[in-house]
Amino acid sequence: MLARCKEIDPAFESLREPITIVGQYYVATRYPDALPGMSPSGVYREEEAKEAVEYAEKVLKFVVARVKL
């Protein structure tokens, strides 16, 4: 998706790191059985959760600023 967005607006490249970081949490939190014998709440620490939220907010703010609603 990032590659397609960059075709329209190269500034989307600045989201590569935040998207990568947020993306690493997706599978385990969306599909709890993706972590055999563990639950997402036992894998991620509060600090990591806060970081993920900060990056997600950064991505959202960037996209909303560029999308005409």
N, C-alpha and C. Protein backbone atom coordinates (compact mmCIF):
# COMPACT_ATOMS: atom_id res chain seq x y z
N MET A 1 0.82 -1.17 0.00
CA MET A 1 0.00 0.00 0.00
C MET A 1 0.88 1.26 0.00
N LEU A 2 1.97 1.21 0.76
CA LEU A 2 2.86 2.36 0.80
C LEU A 2 3.41 2.67 -0.59
N ALA A 3 3.78 1.65 -1.32
CA ALA A 3 4.33 1.86 -2.66
C ALA A 3 3.31 2.56 -3.57
N ARG A 4 2.06 2.17 -3.46
CA ARG A 4 1.03 2.79 -4.30
C ARG A 4 0.80 4.24 -3.89
N CYS A 5 0.82 4.50 -2.59
CA CYS A 5 0.65 5.87 -2.10
C CYS A 5 1.80 6.76 -2.55
N LYS A 6 3.02 6.19 -2.53
CA LYS A 6 4.20 6.96 -2.96
C LYS A 6 4.13 7.34 -4.43
N GLU A 7 3.44 6.55 -5.24
CA GLU A 7 3.28 6.89 -6.65
C GLU A 7 2.51 8.19 -6.80
N ILE A 8 1.59 8.43 -5.89
CA ILE A 8 0.77 9.64 -5.93
C ILE A 8 1.47 10.80 -5.22
N ASP A 9 2.09 10.48 -4.08
CA ASP A 9 2.75 11.51 -3.27
C ASP A 9 4.00 10.90 -2.65
N PRO A 10 5.19 11.25 -3.18
CA PRO A 10 6.43 10.68 -2.67
C PRO A 10 6.67 10.93 -1.17
N ALA A 11 6.01 11.90 -0.60
CA ALA A 11 6.18 12.20 0.83
C ALA A 11 5.73 11.03 1.72
N PHE A 12 4.96 10.12 1.17
CA PHE A 12 4.53 8.96 1.95
C PHE A 12 5.71 8.09 2.37
N GLU A 13 6.83 8.23 1.70
CA GLU A 13 8.02 7.46 2.08
C GLU A 13 8.39 7.74 3.54
N SER A 14 8.09 8.91 4.03
CA SER A 14 8.42 9.26 5.42
C SER A 14 7.67 8.38 6.43
N LEU A 15 6.68 7.64 5.96
CA LEU A 15 5.91 6.76 6.84
C LEU A 15 6.45 5.34 6.91
N ARG A 16 7.51 5.07 6.19
CA ARG A 16 8.02 3.69 6.14
C ARG A 16 8.31 3.14 7.54
N GLU A 17 9.06 3.87 8.35
CA GLU A 17 9.40 3.36 9.69
C GLU A 17 8.15 3.21 10.56
N PRO A 18 7.30 4.23 10.68
CA PRO A 18 6.11 4.05 11.52
C PRO A 18 5.22 2.89 11.06
N ILE A 19 5.05 2.75 9.76
CA ILE A 19 4.20 1.67 9.25
C ILE A 19 4.83 0.30 9.56
N THR A 20 6.13 0.20 9.41
CA THR A 20 6.82 -1.05 9.69
C THR A 20 6.67 -1.43 11.16
N ILE A 21 6.83 -0.47 12.03
CA ILE A 21 6.73 -0.74 13.47
C ILE A 21 5.30 -1.13 13.85
N VAL A 22 4.33 -0.37 13.39
CA VAL A 22 2.94 -0.69 13.72
C VAL A 22 2.55 -2.03 13.10
N GLY A 23 3.03 -2.29 11.90
CA GLY A 23 2.70 -3.53 11.21
C GLY A 23 3.16 -4.79 11.94
N GLN A 24 4.25 -4.69 12.67
CA GLN A 24 4.76 -5.88 13.36
C GLN A 24 3.83 -6.34 14.48
N TYR A 25 2.95 -5.47 14.94
CA TYR A 25 2.01 -5.83 15.99
C TYR A 25 0.70 -6.37 15.44
N TYR A 26 0.46 -6.19 14.17
CA TYR A 26 -0.84 -6.50 13.59
C TYR A 26 -1.25 -7.97 13.72
N VAL A 27 -0.45 -8.86 13.23
CA VAL A 27 -0.84 -10.26 13.17
C VAL A 27 -1.10 -10.82 14.57
N ALA A 28 -0.18 -10.57 15.48
CA ALA A 28 -0.31 -11.15 16.83
C ALA A 28 -1.51 -10.59 17.59
N THR A 29 -1.84 -9.35 17.35
CA THR A 29 -2.97 -8.78 18.07
C THR A 29 -4.30 -9.03 17.36
N ARG A 30 -4.25 -9.18 16.07
CA ARG A 30 -5.48 -9.44 15.30
C ARG A 30 -5.86 -10.92 15.37
N TYR A 31 -4.86 -11.77 15.39
CA TYR A 31 -5.07 -13.22 15.41
C TYR A 31 -4.35 -13.79 16.63
N PRO A 32 -5.00 -13.82 17.78
CA PRO A 32 -4.35 -14.26 19.02
C PRO A 32 -3.72 -15.65 18.95
N ASP A 33 -4.24 -16.52 18.11
CA ASP A 33 -3.65 -17.86 18.01
C ASP A 33 -2.38 -17.87 17.16
N ALA A 34 -1.96 -16.70 16.68
CA ALA A 34 -0.72 -16.61 15.91
C ALA A 34 0.50 -16.80 16.80
N LEU A 35 0.31 -16.69 18.09
CA LEU A 35 1.40 -16.87 19.05
C LEU A 35 1.12 -18.13 19.87
N PRO A 36 1.57 -19.28 19.41
CA PRO A 36 1.27 -20.54 20.11
C PRO A 36 1.63 -20.48 21.60
N GLY A 37 0.66 -20.78 22.44
CA GLY A 37 0.87 -20.83 23.87
C GLY A 37 0.98 -19.48 24.55
N MET A 38 0.75 -18.40 23.81
CA MET A 38 0.87 -17.06 24.39
C MET A 38 -0.30 -16.20 23.95
N SER A 39 -0.55 -15.17 24.70
CA SER A 39 -1.56 -14.19 24.29
C SER A 39 -0.84 -12.87 24.02
N PRO A 40 -1.41 -12.01 23.16
CA PRO A 40 -0.77 -10.73 22.87
C PRO A 40 -0.47 -9.92 24.13
N SER A 41 -1.34 -10.04 25.13
CA SER A 41 -1.12 -9.27 26.36
C SER A 41 0.12 -9.72 27.11
N GLY A 42 0.57 -10.93 26.85
CA GLY A 42 1.77 -11.43 27.51
C GLY A 42 3.04 -11.20 26.71
N VAL A 43 2.92 -10.68 25.52
CA VAL A 43 4.07 -10.52 24.64
C VAL A 43 4.58 -9.09 24.63
N TYR A 44 3.68 -8.14 24.59
CA TYR A 44 4.07 -6.74 24.44
C TYR A 44 4.01 -6.01 25.77
N ARG A 45 5.02 -5.20 26.00
CA ARG A 45 5.07 -4.39 27.21
C ARG A 45 4.36 -3.06 26.98
N GLU A 46 4.06 -2.40 28.07
CA GLU A 46 3.37 -1.11 28.01
C GLU A 46 4.16 -0.10 27.17
N GLU A 47 5.45 -0.10 27.30
CA GLU A 47 6.29 0.83 26.53
C GLU A 47 6.13 0.60 25.03
N GLU A 48 6.10 -0.66 24.64
CA GLU A 48 5.93 -0.99 23.22
C GLU A 48 4.55 -0.58 22.72
N ALA A 49 3.55 -0.78 23.55
CA ALA A 49 2.19 -0.39 23.17
C ALA A 49 2.10 1.12 22.98
N LYS A 50 2.70 1.86 23.86
CA LYS A 50 2.69 3.32 23.74
C LYS A 50 3.40 3.77 22.46
N GLU A 51 4.52 3.13 22.16
CA GLU A 51 5.25 3.46 20.94
C GLU A 51 4.39 3.17 19.71
N ALA A 52 3.73 2.03 19.71
CA ALA A 52 2.88 1.67 18.57
C ALA A 52 1.75 2.68 18.39
N VAL A 53 1.15 3.11 19.48
CA VAL A 53 0.06 4.10 19.41
C VAL A 53 0.60 5.43 18.87
N GLU A 54 1.76 5.84 19.32
CA GLU A 54 2.35 7.09 18.83
C GLU A 54 2.61 7.03 17.33
N TYR A 55 3.15 5.91 16.86
CA TYR A 55 3.40 5.75 15.43
C TYR A 55 2.10 5.70 14.64
N ALA A 56 1.11 5.01 15.16
CA ALA A 56 -0.18 4.93 14.47
C ALA A 56 -0.81 6.32 14.37
N GLU A 57 -0.71 7.10 15.42
CA GLU A 57 -1.24 8.47 15.39
C GLU A 57 -0.49 9.32 14.38
N LYS A 58 0.82 9.13 14.28
CA LYS A 58 1.63 9.86 13.29
C LYS A 58 1.16 9.53 11.87
N VAL A 59 0.95 8.25 11.61
CA VAL A 59 0.49 7.83 10.28
C VAL A 59 -0.89 8.42 9.99
N LEU A 60 -1.79 8.31 10.94
CA LEU A 60 -3.14 8.82 10.76
C LEU A 60 -3.13 10.32 10.49
N LYS A 61 -2.38 11.06 11.27
CA LYS A 61 -2.30 12.52 11.10
C LYS A 61 -1.77 12.87 9.71
N PHE A 62 -0.74 12.16 9.28
CA PHE A 62 -0.14 12.41 7.96
C PHE A 62 -1.16 12.16 6.86
N VAL A 63 -1.83 11.02 6.93
CA VAL A 63 -2.79 10.65 5.88
C VAL A 63 -3.98 11.61 5.85
N VAL A 64 -4.52 11.92 7.01
CA VAL A 64 -5.67 12.83 7.07
C VAL A 64 -5.31 14.18 6.49
N ALA A 65 -4.09 14.64 6.71
CA ALA A 65 -3.65 15.93 6.19
C ALA A 65 -3.59 15.94 4.67
N ARG A 66 -3.45 14.76 4.07
CA ARG A 66 -3.31 14.69 2.61
C ARG A 66 -4.59 14.25 1.89
N VAL A 67 -5.53 13.73 2.62
CA VAL A 67 -6.77 13.25 2.02
C VAL A 67 -7.83 14.33 2.15
N LYS A 68 -8.45 14.62 1.08
CA LYS A 68 -9.54 15.61 1.10
C LYS A 68 -10.81 14.92 1.50
N LEU A 69 -11.26 15.17 2.71
CA LEU A 69 -12.48 14.52 3.22
C LEU A 69 -13.71 15.31 2.86
